[in-house]
């Protein structure tokens, strides 16, 4: 019987936006759940890596010009 009540509580917690003390809590989605979210996350990751490489190349070129 305890298992059924725990299952009900878990399902209510996922659907509900109201916490135990009665305050409203926003339900946030994980952006990597959807395909669009995964694409955006990977673009951000590769962009941060690319900016480091590009800035290193620019610094080397500017030092070579002087």
Protein backbone atom coordinates (compact mmCIF):
# COMPACT_ATOMS: atom_id res chain seq x y z
CA UNK A 1 0.00 0.00 0.00
CA UNK A 2 2.88 2.35 0.72
CA UNK A 3 4.19 1.78 -2.80
CA UNK A 4 0.95 2.94 -4.39
CA UNK A 5 0.79 6.08 -2.29
CA UNK A 6 4.44 6.88 -3.11
CA UNK A 7 3.70 6.43 -6.80
CA UNK A 8 0.75 8.81 -6.53
CA UNK A 9 2.84 11.40 -4.71
CA UNK A 10 5.59 11.20 -7.33
CA UNK A 11 3.14 11.65 -10.19
CA UNK A 12 1.50 14.59 -8.42
CA UNK A 13 4.87 16.25 -7.79
CA UNK A 14 5.78 16.08 -11.48
CA UNK A 15 2.50 17.60 -12.63
CA UNK A 16 1.99 20.09 -9.84
CA UNK A 17 3.42 23.61 -9.72
CA UNK A 18 2.55 24.07 -6.04
CA UNK A 19 5.04 22.99 -3.37
CA UNK A 20 4.21 21.40 -0.02
CA UNK A 21 3.97 24.73 1.79
CA UNK A 22 1.59 26.16 -0.82
CA UNK A 23 4.00 28.41 -2.75
CA UNK A 24 4.08 28.19 -6.52
CA UNK A 25 7.26 26.74 -8.01
CA UNK A 26 7.95 27.06 -11.75
CA UNK A 27 8.49 23.77 -13.54
CA UNK A 28 11.62 24.09 -15.65
CA UNK A 29 12.28 21.92 -18.69
CA UNK A 30 15.65 20.45 -19.56
CA UNK A 31 16.66 21.97 -22.91
CA UNK A 32 18.49 18.82 -23.97
CA UNK A 33 15.23 16.83 -24.00
CA UNK A 34 14.24 18.03 -27.47
CA UNK A 35 16.17 17.86 -30.73
CA UNK A 36 16.19 21.65 -31.06
CA UNK A 37 17.54 21.97 -27.52
CA UNK A 38 20.32 19.48 -28.25
CA UNK A 39 21.30 21.40 -31.38
CA UNK A 40 21.45 24.69 -29.46
CA UNK A 41 23.53 23.13 -26.66
CA UNK A 42 26.04 21.65 -29.12
CA UNK A 43 26.31 24.94 -31.04
CA UNK A 44 27.09 26.72 -27.77
CA UNK A 45 29.71 24.12 -26.78
CA UNK A 46 31.44 24.19 -30.19
CA UNK A 47 31.17 27.99 -30.31
CA UNK A 48 32.98 28.37 -27.00
CA UNK A 49 35.75 26.06 -28.21
CA UNK A 50 35.98 27.81 -31.56
CA UNK A 51 36.25 31.26 -29.97
CA UNK A 52 39.32 30.12 -28.02
CA UNK A 53 41.00 28.75 -31.15
CA UNK A 54 40.15 31.83 -33.24
CA UNK A 55 41.45 34.20 -30.57
CA UNK A 56 44.68 32.19 -30.34
CA UNK A 57 45.17 32.38 -34.12
CA UNK A 58 44.45 36.13 -34.14
CA UNK A 59 46.94 36.69 -31.31
CA UNK A 60 49.64 34.73 -33.15
CA UNK A 61 49.01 36.60 -36.39
CA UNK A 62 49.09 39.99 -34.67
CA UNK A 63 52.38 39.10 -32.96
CA UNK A 64 53.86 37.98 -36.30
CA UNK A 65 52.86 41.26 -37.98
CA UNK A 66 54.69 43.41 -35.40
